[in-house]
Amino acid sequence: MDTYTLTTAAADLVYDVRGPLPAADGRPPLVMVGQPMDATGFAALAARFPDRTVVTYDPRGLGRSTRKDGRAEYAPESLADDVHAVIEALGVGPVEMFASSGGAVTALALVARHPDDVTTLVAHEPPLITLTPDGPAAVRARAGVRDAYQARGWGAGMAAFVAMTSWEGEFTDAYFAQPLPDPAAFGMPTEDDGSRDDPLLSDRSWAVSDHLPDVAAIEASGTRVVIAMGEESRTVQTGRTSAAAAGLLGQAATVFPSHHAGFADGEFGYPGKPDEFAQRLREVLDAS
């Protein structure tokens, strides 16, 4: 694996290339994009594509990438332009892309803004919460996570986030009537370290979950876009946002094994099924 730093006016972007450029098999590189997850989250999935040239990167302000724009929020348009710059730096033409969570939102913005960058995009569980029928309630639930984080710190905020993302179905009065979850019940710290800059728990990534895809631009791009969701996510928020995003593009969501992080090993908590996930990704990419 070779690691590079791409300097732009807004950020110093660090990206990793596993395999040769151009790829030995003549296929486009497979670029993997997350947010707020950085490149480390794709280690297990990338390892299951030893025959492909795989590119991962850290979004601006996350992991090894630093930002120089003087801002704190994460906007899909800016993140998309960063990915475009990395693809240009690769110098081998359009790529195939697997993007997950906020990275899937970035990728949808990328296809709309830079239509020649991607041949096939598999957008896994984009958390586009305003697209669901209970969008206003979902926005209220998101604010509750931020409020818990601001009031009591990381452990409380993450416990509230887990409660929100594991809730099945629409956010009803029953959801909002629940007491705040105890961080200790999830094995999370109860003490407050004083920081309030977490991109997942603060409002810094709200532009990601508020994003409205430019359907006309995506459809005009010529990119094959596949919206994917995990089989364990069907009834929870990210599964429902995936179904809504797929419907917006006139398709049904393509089901993948496992859950929201189903491509990961157990190093980030609840383990996924990376072997099965990688096989499904191969099938979807090869169907293009």
C-alpha atoms as a PDB file:
ATOM      1  CA  MET A   1       0.000   0.000   0.000  1.00  0.00           C
ATOM      2  CA  ASP A   2       1.254   3.448  -0.960  1.00  0.00           C
ATOM      3  CA  THR A   3       0.088   6.573   0.860  1.00  0.00           C
ATOM      4  CA  TYR A   4      -0.095  10.030  -0.709  1.00  0.00           C
ATOM      5  CA  THR A   5      -1.029  13.542   0.364  1.00  0.00           C
ATOM      6  CA  LEU A   6      -2.925  15.770  -2.059  1.00  0.00           C
ATOM      7  CA  THR A   7      -2.737  19.463  -1.232  1.00  0.00           C
ATOM      8  CA  THR A   8      -5.688  21.648  -2.232  1.00  0.00           C
ATOM      9  CA  ALA A   9      -6.676  25.165  -1.243  1.00  0.00           C
ATOM     10  CA  ALA A  10      -9.117  23.801   1.364  1.00  0.00           C
ATOM     11  CA  ALA A  11      -7.412  20.674   2.712  1.00  0.00           C
ATOM     12  CA  ASP A  12      -4.469  18.308   2.727  1.00  0.00           C
ATOM     13  CA  LEU A  13      -6.070  15.010   1.729  1.00  0.00           C
ATOM     14  CA  VAL A  14      -4.367  11.723   2.591  1.00  0.00           C
ATOM     15  CA  TYR A  15      -5.255   8.699   0.481  1.00  0.00           C
ATOM     16  CA  ASP A  16      -4.022   5.133   0.153  1.00  0.00           C
ATOM     17  CA  VAL A  17      -3.593   3.062  -3.002  1.00  0.00           C
ATOM     18  CA  ARG A  18      -3.480  -0.718  -2.749  1.00  0.00           C
ATOM     19  CA  GLY A  19      -2.223  -2.127  -6.051  1.00  0.00           C
ATOM     20  CA  PRO A  20      -0.855  -0.657  -9.277  1.00  0.00           C
ATOM     21  CA  LEU A  21      -2.084   2.336 -11.264  1.00  0.00           C
ATOM     22  CA  PRO A  22      -3.284   1.680 -13.901  1.00  0.00           C
ATOM     23  CA  ALA A  23      -4.757  -1.510 -12.470  1.00  0.00           C
ATOM     24  CA  ALA A  24      -3.152  -4.735 -13.641  1.00  0.00           C
ATOM     25  CA  ASP A  25      -6.479  -6.191 -14.771  1.00  0.00           C
ATOM     26  CA  GLY A  26      -7.417  -3.110 -16.785  1.00  0.00           C
ATOM     27  CA  ARG A  27     -10.412  -2.367 -14.575  1.00  0.00           C
ATOM     28  CA  PRO A  28     -10.932   1.037 -12.980  1.00  0.00           C
ATOM     29  CA  PRO A  29      -9.720   1.455  -9.410  1.00  0.00           C
ATOM     30  CA  LEU A  30     -12.289   0.670  -6.734  1.00  0.00           C
ATOM     31  CA  VAL A  31     -12.576   3.760  -4.540  1.00  0.00           C
ATOM     32  CA  MET A  32     -14.101   3.398  -1.062  1.00  0.00           C
ATOM     33  CA  VAL A  33     -15.571   6.474   0.609  1.00  0.00           C
ATOM     34  CA  GLY A  34     -16.937   6.987   4.119  1.00  0.00           C
ATOM     35  CA  GLN A  35     -17.901   9.879   6.401  1.00  0.00           C
ATOM     36  CA  PRO A  36     -17.362  10.441   9.284  1.00  0.00           C
ATOM     37  CA  MET A  37     -15.460   7.160   9.013  1.00  0.00           C
ATOM     38  CA  ASP A  38     -11.974   7.486   7.575  1.00  0.00           C
ATOM     39  CA  ALA A  39      -9.930   4.976   5.584  1.00  0.00           C
ATOM     40  CA  THR A  40      -9.330   2.693   8.571  1.00  0.00           C
ATOM     41  CA  GLY A  41     -12.960   1.578   8.441  1.00  0.00           C
ATOM     42  CA  PHE A  42     -12.445  -0.035   5.039  1.00  0.00           C
ATOM     43  CA  ALA A  43      -9.418  -2.145   5.977  1.00  0.00           C
ATOM     44  CA  ALA A  44     -11.364  -5.402   6.159  1.00  0.00           C
ATOM     45  CA  LEU A  45     -13.251  -4.810   2.914  1.00  0.00           C
ATOM     46  CA  ALA A  46     -10.192  -3.655   0.969  1.00  0.00           C
ATOM     47  CA  ALA A  47      -8.303  -6.766   2.107  1.00  0.00           C
ATOM     48  CA  ARG A  48     -10.979  -8.880   0.437  1.00  0.00           C
ATOM     49  CA  PHE A  49     -10.215  -7.353  -2.965  1.00  0.00           C
ATOM     50  CA  PRO A  50      -6.552  -8.397  -3.405  1.00  0.00           C
ATOM     51  CA  ASP A  51      -7.093  -8.669  -7.159  1.00  0.00           C
ATOM     52  CA  ARG A  52      -8.290  -5.061  -7.498  1.00  0.00           C
ATOM     53  CA  THR A  53      -6.550  -1.722  -7.114  1.00  0.00           C
ATOM     54  CA  VAL A  54      -8.375  -0.198  -4.139  1.00  0.00           C
ATOM     55  CA  VAL A  55      -8.218   3.451  -3.082  1.00  0.00           C
ATOM     56  CA  THR A  56      -9.306   4.750   0.330  1.00  0.00           C
ATOM     57  CA  TYR A  57      -9.021   8.233   1.780  1.00  0.00           C
ATOM     58  CA  ASP A  58      -9.586  10.310   4.907  1.00  0.00           C
ATOM     59  CA  PRO A  59     -12.167  13.100   4.450  1.00  0.00           C
ATOM     60  CA  ARG A  60     -11.028  16.616   5.252  1.00  0.00           C
ATOM     61  CA  GLY A  61     -10.620  17.163   8.984  1.00  0.00           C
ATOM     62  CA  LEU A  62     -10.800  13.435   9.762  1.00  0.00           C
ATOM     63  CA  GLY A  63      -8.091  10.871  10.326  1.00  0.00           C
ATOM     64  CA  ARG A  64      -4.873  12.037   8.683  1.00  0.00           C
ATOM     65  CA  SER A  65      -6.448  14.723   6.466  1.00  0.00           C
ATOM     66  CA  THR A  66      -6.352  18.298   7.681  1.00  0.00           C
ATOM     67  CA  ARG A  67      -8.602  21.136   6.628  1.00  0.00           C
ATOM     68  CA  LYS A  68      -7.492  24.683   5.873  1.00  0.00           C
ATOM     69  CA  ASP A  69     -10.838  26.291   5.089  1.00  0.00           C
ATOM     70  CA  GLY A  70     -11.384  27.641   8.593  1.00  0.00           C
ATOM     71  CA  ARG A  71     -14.718  25.819   8.889  1.00  0.00           C
ATOM     72  CA  ALA A  72     -16.009  23.032  11.114  1.00  0.00           C
ATOM     73  CA  GLU A  73     -19.061  21.672   9.309  1.00  0.00           C
ATOM     74  CA  TYR A  74     -19.065  18.845   6.777  1.00  0.00           C
ATOM     75  CA  ALA A  75     -20.902  19.747   3.578  1.00  0.00           C
ATOM     76  CA  PRO A  76     -21.483  17.022   0.967  1.00  0.00           C
ATOM     77  CA  GLU A  77     -20.609  19.391  -1.871  1.00  0.00           C
ATOM     78  CA  SER A  78     -17.179  20.218  -0.406  1.00  0.00           C
ATOM     79  CA  LEU A  79     -16.506  16.592   0.419  1.00  0.00           C
ATOM     80  CA  ALA A  80     -17.522  15.615  -3.119  1.00  0.00           C
ATOM     81  CA  ASP A  81     -15.075  18.110  -4.575  1.00  0.00           C
ATOM     82  CA  ASP A  82     -12.346  16.578  -2.411  1.00  0.00           C
ATOM     83  CA  VAL A  83     -13.089  13.094  -3.763  1.00  0.00           C
ATOM     84  CA  HIS A  84     -13.088  14.539  -7.291  1.00  0.00           C
ATOM     85  CA  ALA A  85      -9.619  15.970  -6.645  1.00  0.00           C
ATOM     86  CA  VAL A  86      -8.355  12.576  -5.462  1.00  0.00           C
ATOM     87  CA  ILE A  87      -9.805  10.852  -8.547  1.00  0.00           C
ATOM     88  CA  GLU A  88      -8.119  13.418 -10.777  1.00  0.00           C
ATOM     89  CA  ALA A  89      -4.824  12.838  -8.953  1.00  0.00           C
ATOM     90  CA  LEU A  90      -5.059   9.106  -9.676  1.00  0.00           C
ATOM     91  CA  GLY A  91      -4.849   9.989 -13.359  1.00  0.00           C
ATOM     92  CA  VAL A  92      -6.504   6.836 -14.679  1.00  0.00           C
ATOM     93  CA  GLY A  93      -9.977   8.034 -15.655  1.00  0.00           C
ATOM     94  CA  PRO A  94     -13.335   7.193 -14.097  1.00  0.00           C
ATOM     95  CA  VAL A  95     -13.482   4.804 -11.150  1.00  0.00           C
ATOM     96  CA  GLU A  96     -15.853   2.341  -9.580  1.00  0.00           C
ATOM     97  CA  MET A  97     -16.987   3.378  -6.112  1.00  0.00           C
ATOM     98  CA  PHE A  98     -18.325   1.846  -2.937  1.00  0.00           C
ATOM     99  CA  ALA A  99     -19.493   4.497  -0.493  1.00  0.00           C
ATOM    100  CA  SER A 100     -21.149   4.020   2.871  1.00  0.00           C
ATOM    101  CA  SER A 101     -23.142   6.135   5.328  1.00  0.00           C
ATOM    102  CA  GLY A 102     -22.204   9.812   5.017  1.00  0.00           C
ATOM    103  CA  GLY A 103     -19.757   8.742   2.326  1.00  0.00           C
ATOM    104  CA  ALA A 104     -22.716   7.530   0.268  1.00  0.00           C
ATOM    105  CA  VAL A 105     -24.170  11.043   0.494  1.00  0.00           C
ATOM    106  CA  THR A 106     -20.811  12.465  -0.593  1.00  0.00           C
ATOM    107  CA  ALA A 107     -20.784  10.048  -3.524  1.00  0.00           C
ATOM    108  CA  LEU A 108     -24.276  11.022  -4.669  1.00  0.00           C
ATOM    109  CA  ALA A 109     -23.176  14.666  -4.621  1.00  0.00           C
ATOM    110  CA  LEU A 110     -20.012  13.690  -6.516  1.00  0.00           C
ATOM    111  CA  VAL A 111     -21.984  12.029  -9.320  1.00  0.00           C
ATOM    112  CA  ALA A 112     -24.198  15.102  -9.616  1.00  0.00           C
ATOM    113  CA  ARG A 113     -21.300  17.588  -9.598  1.00  0.00           C
ATOM    114  CA  HIS A 114     -18.670  15.592 -11.502  1.00  0.00           C
ATOM    115  CA  PRO A 115     -20.551  13.238 -13.828  1.00  0.00           C
ATOM    116  CA  ASP A 116     -17.452  11.827 -15.541  1.00  0.00           C
ATOM    117  CA  ASP A 117     -15.776  10.549 -12.366  1.00  0.00           C
ATOM    118  CA  VAL A 118     -17.624   7.308 -11.627  1.00  0.00           C
ATOM    119  CA  THR A 119     -18.814   4.440 -13.802  1.00  0.00           C
ATOM    120  CA  THR A 120     -20.683   2.509 -11.103  1.00  0.00           C
ATOM    121  CA  LEU A 121     -21.543   3.750  -7.616  1.00  0.00           C
ATOM    122  CA  VAL A 122     -22.778   1.452  -4.870  1.00  0.00           C
ATOM    123  CA  ALA A 123     -24.178   3.856  -2.255  1.00  0.00           C
ATOM    124  CA  HIS A 124     -24.649   1.895   0.967  1.00  0.00           C
ATOM    125  CA  GLU A 125     -27.159   3.232   3.489  1.00  0.00           C
ATOM    126  CA  PRO A 126     -27.037   7.000   2.879  1.00  0.00           C
ATOM    127  CA  PRO A 127     -28.570   8.600   6.019  1.00  0.00           C
ATOM    128  CA  LEU A 128     -30.813  11.046   4.145  1.00  0.00           C
ATOM    129  CA  ILE A 129     -33.267  11.441   6.998  1.00  0.00           C
ATOM    130  CA  THR A 130     -35.485  14.122   5.463  1.00  0.00           C
ATOM    131  CA  LEU A 131     -36.506  11.738   2.659  1.00  0.00           C
ATOM    132  CA  THR A 132     -38.411   9.371   4.945  1.00  0.00           C
ATOM    133  CA  PRO A 133     -42.147   9.880   5.596  1.00  0.00           C
ATOM    134  CA  ASP A 134     -41.369  10.807   9.210  1.00  0.00           C
ATOM    135  CA  GLY A 135     -38.642  13.258   8.199  1.00  0.00           C
ATOM    136  CA  PRO A 136     -39.592  15.988  10.736  1.00  0.00           C
ATOM    137  CA  ALA A 137     -39.614  13.444  13.562  1.00  0.00           C
ATOM    138  CA  ALA A 138     -36.265  12.075  12.389  1.00  0.00           C
ATOM    139  CA  VAL A 139     -34.824  15.587  12.491  1.00  0.00           C
ATOM    140  CA  ARG A 140     -36.161  15.945  16.040  1.00  0.00           C
ATOM    141  CA  ALA A 141     -34.569  12.629  17.022  1.00  0.00           C
ATOM    142  CA  ARG A 142     -31.243  13.777  15.555  1.00  0.00           C
ATOM    143  CA  ALA A 143     -31.451  16.983  17.598  1.00  0.00           C
ATOM    144  CA  GLY A 144     -31.991  14.859  20.696  1.00  0.00           C
ATOM    145  CA  VAL A 145     -28.663  13.128  20.106  1.00  0.00           C
ATOM    146  CA  ARG A 146     -26.919  16.485  19.747  1.00  0.00           C
ATOM    147  CA  ASP A 147     -28.599  17.786  22.898  1.00  0.00           C
ATOM    148  CA  ALA A 148     -27.528  14.741  24.937  1.00  0.00           C
ATOM    149  CA  TYR A 149     -23.973  15.163  23.684  1.00  0.00           C
ATOM    150  CA  GLN A 150     -23.888  18.877  24.449  1.00  0.00           C
ATOM    151  CA  ALA A 151     -25.339  18.376  27.931  1.00  0.00           C
ATOM    152  CA  ARG A 152     -23.460  15.290  29.099  1.00  0.00           C
ATOM    153  CA  GLY A 153     -20.573  14.493  26.745  1.00  0.00           C
ATOM    154  CA  TRP A 154     -19.506  11.743  24.371  1.00  0.00           C
ATOM    155  CA  GLY A 155     -20.822   8.701  26.230  1.00  0.00           C
ATOM    156  CA  ALA A 156     -24.302  10.154  26.637  1.00  0.00           C
ATOM    157  CA  GLY A 157     -24.356  11.347  23.048  1.00  0.00           C
ATOM    158  CA  MET A 158     -23.247   8.004  21.648  1.00  0.00           C
ATOM    159  CA  ALA A 159     -25.763   6.121  23.783  1.00  0.00           C
ATOM    160  CA  ALA A 160     -28.491   8.397  22.414  1.00  0.00           C
ATOM    161  CA  PHE A 161     -27.196   7.817  18.884  1.00  0.00           C
ATOM    162  CA  VAL A 162     -27.316   4.029  19.327  1.00  0.00           C
ATOM    163  CA  ALA A 163     -30.856   4.284  20.668  1.00  0.00           C
ATOM    164  CA  MET A 164     -31.899   6.403  17.682  1.00  0.00           C
ATOM    165  CA  THR A 165     -30.274   4.264  15.011  1.00  0.00           C
ATOM    166  CA  SER A 166     -31.566   0.988  16.493  1.00  0.00           C
ATOM    167  CA  TRP A 167     -35.181   2.202  16.806  1.00  0.00           C
ATOM    168  CA  GLU A 168     -37.425   0.196  14.505  1.00  0.00           C
ATOM    169  CA  GLY A 169     -39.957   1.977  12.339  1.00  0.00           C
ATOM    170  CA  GLU A 170     -40.960   5.619  12.380  1.00  0.00           C
ATOM    171  CA  PHE A 171     -40.082   7.902  15.259  1.00  0.00           C
ATOM    172  CA  THR A 172     -43.327   7.995  17.216  1.00  0.00           C
ATOM    173  CA  ASP A 173     -44.391   9.522  20.535  1.00  0.00           C
ATOM    174  CA  ALA A 174     -43.211   6.280  22.155  1.00  0.00           C
ATOM    175  CA  TYR A 175     -39.665   6.982  20.992  1.00  0.00           C
ATOM    176  CA  PHE A 176     -39.620  10.499  22.394  1.00  0.00           C
ATOM    177  CA  ALA A 177     -41.188   9.371  25.684  1.00  0.00           C
ATOM    178  CA  GLN A 178     -38.184   7.167  26.471  1.00  0.00           C
ATOM    179  CA  PRO A 179     -35.713   8.298  29.132  1.00  0.00           C
ATOM    180  CA  LEU A 180     -32.206   9.064  27.969  1.00  0.00           C
ATOM    181  CA  PRO A 181     -30.244   5.807  27.769  1.00  0.00           C
ATOM    182  CA  ASP A 182     -27.504   5.067  30.281  1.00  0.00           C
ATOM    183  CA  PRO A 183     -24.081   5.091  28.581  1.00  0.00           C
ATOM    184  CA  ALA A 184     -22.856   2.404  30.980  1.00  0.00           C
ATOM    185  CA  ALA A 185     -25.496   0.032  29.620  1.00  0.00           C
ATOM    186  CA  PHE A 186     -23.686   0.216  26.262  1.00  0.00           C
ATOM    187  CA  GLY A 187     -20.220  -0.055  27.784  1.00  0.00           C
ATOM    188  CA  MET A 188     -19.561   3.641  27.146  1.00  0.00           C
ATOM    189  CA  PRO A 189     -17.925   6.148  29.498  1.00  0.00           C
ATOM    190  CA  THR A 190     -20.163   8.073  31.855  1.00  0.00           C
ATOM    191  CA  GLU A 191     -17.644  10.835  32.547  1.00  0.00           C
ATOM    192  CA  ASP A 192     -17.570  13.938  30.384  1.00  0.00           C
ATOM    193  CA  ASP A 193     -14.199  14.738  28.795  1.00  0.00           C
ATOM    194  CA  GLY A 194     -15.380  18.217  27.847  1.00  0.00           C
ATOM    195  CA  SER A 195     -14.990  17.922  24.069  1.00  0.00           C
ATOM    196  CA  ARG A 196     -17.911  18.872  21.832  1.00  0.00           C
ATOM    197  CA  ASP A 197     -16.477  18.522  18.321  1.00  0.00           C
ATOM    198  CA  ASP A 198     -17.436  14.950  17.420  1.00  0.00           C
ATOM    199  CA  PRO A 199     -18.625  15.030  13.775  1.00  0.00           C
ATOM    200  CA  LEU A 200     -21.197  12.293  14.371  1.00  0.00           C
ATOM    201  CA  LEU A 201     -22.783  13.586  17.578  1.00  0.00           C
ATOM    202  CA  SER A 202     -22.596  17.355  17.091  1.00  0.00           C
ATOM    203  CA  ASP A 203     -24.434  19.347  14.443  1.00  0.00           C
ATOM    204  CA  ARG A 204     -21.322  19.496  12.252  1.00  0.00           C
ATOM    205  CA  SER A 205     -22.585  16.753   9.909  1.00  0.00           C
ATOM    206  CA  TRP A 206     -26.220  17.848   9.742  1.00  0.00           C
ATOM    207  CA  ALA A 207     -25.643  19.086   6.195  1.00  0.00           C
ATOM    208  CA  VAL A 208     -24.939  15.465   5.284  1.00  0.00           C
ATOM    209  CA  SER A 209     -28.198  14.031   6.634  1.00  0.00           C
ATOM    210  CA  ASP A 210     -30.143  17.096   5.365  1.00  0.00           C
ATOM    211  CA  HIS A 211     -28.808  16.695   1.819  1.00  0.00           C
ATOM    212  CA  LEU A 212     -31.295  16.407  -1.042  1.00  0.00           C
ATOM    213  CA  PRO A 213     -29.777  14.530  -3.994  1.00  0.00           C
ATOM    214  CA  ASP A 214     -29.945  16.245  -7.371  1.00  0.00           C
ATOM    215  CA  VAL A 215     -31.929  13.511  -9.069  1.00  0.00           C
ATOM    216  CA  ALA A 216     -31.915  15.138 -12.501  1.00  0.00           C
ATOM    217  CA  ALA A 217     -28.132  15.569 -12.459  1.00  0.00           C
ATOM    218  CA  ILE A 218     -27.574  12.021 -11.190  1.00  0.00           C
ATOM    219  CA  GLU A 219     -29.804  10.562 -13.886  1.00  0.00           C
ATOM    220  CA  ALA A 220     -28.106  12.670 -16.560  1.00  0.00           C
ATOM    221  CA  SER A 221     -24.613  11.648 -15.444  1.00  0.00           C
ATOM    222  CA  GLY A 222     -24.601   8.226 -17.053  1.00  0.00           C
ATOM    223  CA  THR A 223     -23.263   6.708 -13.826  1.00  0.00           C
ATOM    224  CA  ARG A 224     -24.879   3.454 -12.791  1.00  0.00           C
ATOM    225  CA  VAL A 225     -26.074   4.146  -9.241  1.00  0.00           C
ATOM    226  CA  VAL A 226     -27.078   1.297  -6.936  1.00  0.00           C
ATOM    227  CA  ILE A 227     -28.589   2.170  -3.548  1.00  0.00           C
ATOM    228  CA  ALA A 228     -27.782  -0.616  -1.081  1.00  0.00           C
ATOM    229  CA  MET A 229     -28.935  -1.501   2.411  1.00  0.00           C
ATOM    230  CA  GLY A 230     -28.039  -4.218   4.884  1.00  0.00           C
ATOM    231  CA  GLU A 231     -30.461  -7.051   5.489  1.00  0.00           C
ATOM    232  CA  GLU A 232     -30.410  -6.236   9.228  1.00  0.00           C
ATOM    233  CA  SER A 233     -31.199  -2.564   8.585  1.00  0.00           C
ATOM    234  CA  ARG A 234     -34.548  -2.887   6.834  1.00  0.00           C
ATOM    235  CA  THR A 235     -36.666  -1.477   9.672  1.00  0.00           C
ATOM    236  CA  VAL A 236     -34.217   0.944  11.303  1.00  0.00           C
ATOM    237  CA  GLN A 237     -33.397   4.474  10.221  1.00  0.00           C
ATOM    238  CA  THR A 238     -30.586   3.847   7.734  1.00  0.00           C
ATOM    239  CA  GLY A 239     -32.540   1.070   6.066  1.00  0.00           C
ATOM    240  CA  ARG A 240     -35.557   3.315   5.736  1.00  0.00           C
ATOM    241  CA  THR A 241     -33.455   6.190   4.353  1.00  0.00           C
ATOM    242  CA  SER A 242     -31.929   3.762   1.851  1.00  0.00           C
ATOM    243  CA  ALA A 243     -35.365   2.666   0.678  1.00  0.00           C
ATOM    244  CA  ALA A 244     -36.406   6.304   0.344  1.00  0.00           C
ATOM    245  CA  ALA A 245     -33.261   7.253  -1.598  1.00  0.00           C
ATOM    246  CA  ALA A 246     -33.721   4.275  -3.907  1.00  0.00           C
ATOM    247  CA  GLY A 247     -37.323   5.265  -4.523  1.00  0.00           C
ATOM    248  CA  LEU A 248     -36.223   8.786  -5.349  1.00  0.00           C
ATOM    249  CA  LEU A 249     -34.050   7.291  -8.107  1.00  0.00           C
ATOM    250  CA  GLY A 250     -36.794   4.974  -9.336  1.00  0.00           C
ATOM    251  CA  GLN A 251     -35.298   1.751  -8.008  1.00  0.00           C
ATOM    252  CA  ALA A 252     -35.584  -0.656  -5.097  1.00  0.00           C
ATOM    253  CA  ALA A 253     -32.716  -0.828  -2.631  1.00  0.00           C
ATOM    254  CA  THR A 254     -30.303  -3.704  -3.278  1.00  0.00           C
ATOM    255  CA  VAL A 255     -29.923  -5.868  -0.184  1.00  0.00           C
ATOM    256  CA  PHE A 256     -26.461  -6.640   1.172  1.00  0.00           C
ATOM    257  CA  PRO A 257     -25.485  -8.946   4.043  1.00  0.00           C
ATOM    258  CA  SER A 258     -25.386  -7.735   7.633  1.00  0.00           C
ATOM    259  CA  HIS A 259     -25.899  -4.215   8.973  1.00  0.00           C
ATOM    260  CA  HIS A 260     -24.794  -0.583   8.569  1.00  0.00           C
ATOM    261  CA  ALA A 261     -21.129  -1.521   9.040  1.00  0.00           C
ATOM    262  CA  GLY A 262     -21.540  -5.003   7.623  1.00  0.00           C
ATOM    263  CA  PHE A 263     -18.303  -4.762   5.644  1.00  0.00           C
ATOM    264  CA  ALA A 264     -16.195  -4.404   8.820  1.00  0.00           C
ATOM    265  CA  ASP A 265     -14.652  -6.960  11.143  1.00  0.00           C
ATOM    266  CA  GLY A 266     -15.253  -6.700  14.880  1.00  0.00           C
ATOM    267  CA  GLU A 267     -12.642  -4.000  15.474  1.00  0.00           C
ATOM    268  CA  PHE A 268     -15.323  -1.295  15.577  1.00  0.00           C
ATOM    269  CA  GLY A 269     -17.814  -3.100  17.789  1.00  0.00           C
ATOM    270  CA  TYR A 270     -20.646  -5.299  16.508  1.00  0.00           C
ATOM    271  CA  PRO A 271     -18.942  -7.358  13.764  1.00  0.00           C
ATOM    272  CA  GLY A 272     -20.328  -7.533  10.268  1.00  0.00           C
ATOM    273  CA  LYS A 273     -19.969 -10.222   7.630  1.00  0.00           C
ATOM    274  CA  PRO A 274     -17.099  -8.901   5.513  1.00  0.00           C
ATOM    275  CA  ASP A 275     -16.618 -12.094   3.487  1.00  0.00           C
ATOM    276  CA  GLU A 276     -20.263 -12.246   2.443  1.00  0.00           C
ATOM    277  CA  PHE A 277     -20.422  -8.489   2.005  1.00  0.00           C
ATOM    278  CA  ALA A 278     -17.400  -8.447  -0.309  1.00  0.00           C
ATOM    279  CA  GLN A 279     -18.865 -11.242  -2.400  1.00  0.00           C
ATOM    280  CA  ARG A 280     -22.136  -9.346  -2.774  1.00  0.00           C
ATOM    281  CA  LEU A 281     -20.242  -6.200  -3.749  1.00  0.00           C
ATOM    282  CA  ARG A 282     -18.356  -8.148  -6.421  1.00  0.00           C
ATOM    283  CA  GLU A 283     -21.635  -9.440  -7.817  1.00  0.00           C
ATOM    284  CA  VAL A 284     -23.175  -5.975  -7.972  1.00  0.00           C
ATOM    285  CA  LEU A 285     -20.117  -4.389  -9.569  1.00  0.00           C
ATOM    286  CA  ASP A 286     -19.770  -7.213 -12.101  1.00  0.00           C
ATOM    287  CA  ALA A 287     -23.408  -6.814 -13.124  1.00  0.00           C
ATOM    288  CA  SER A 288     -22.664  -3.437 -14.706  1.00  0.00           C
END
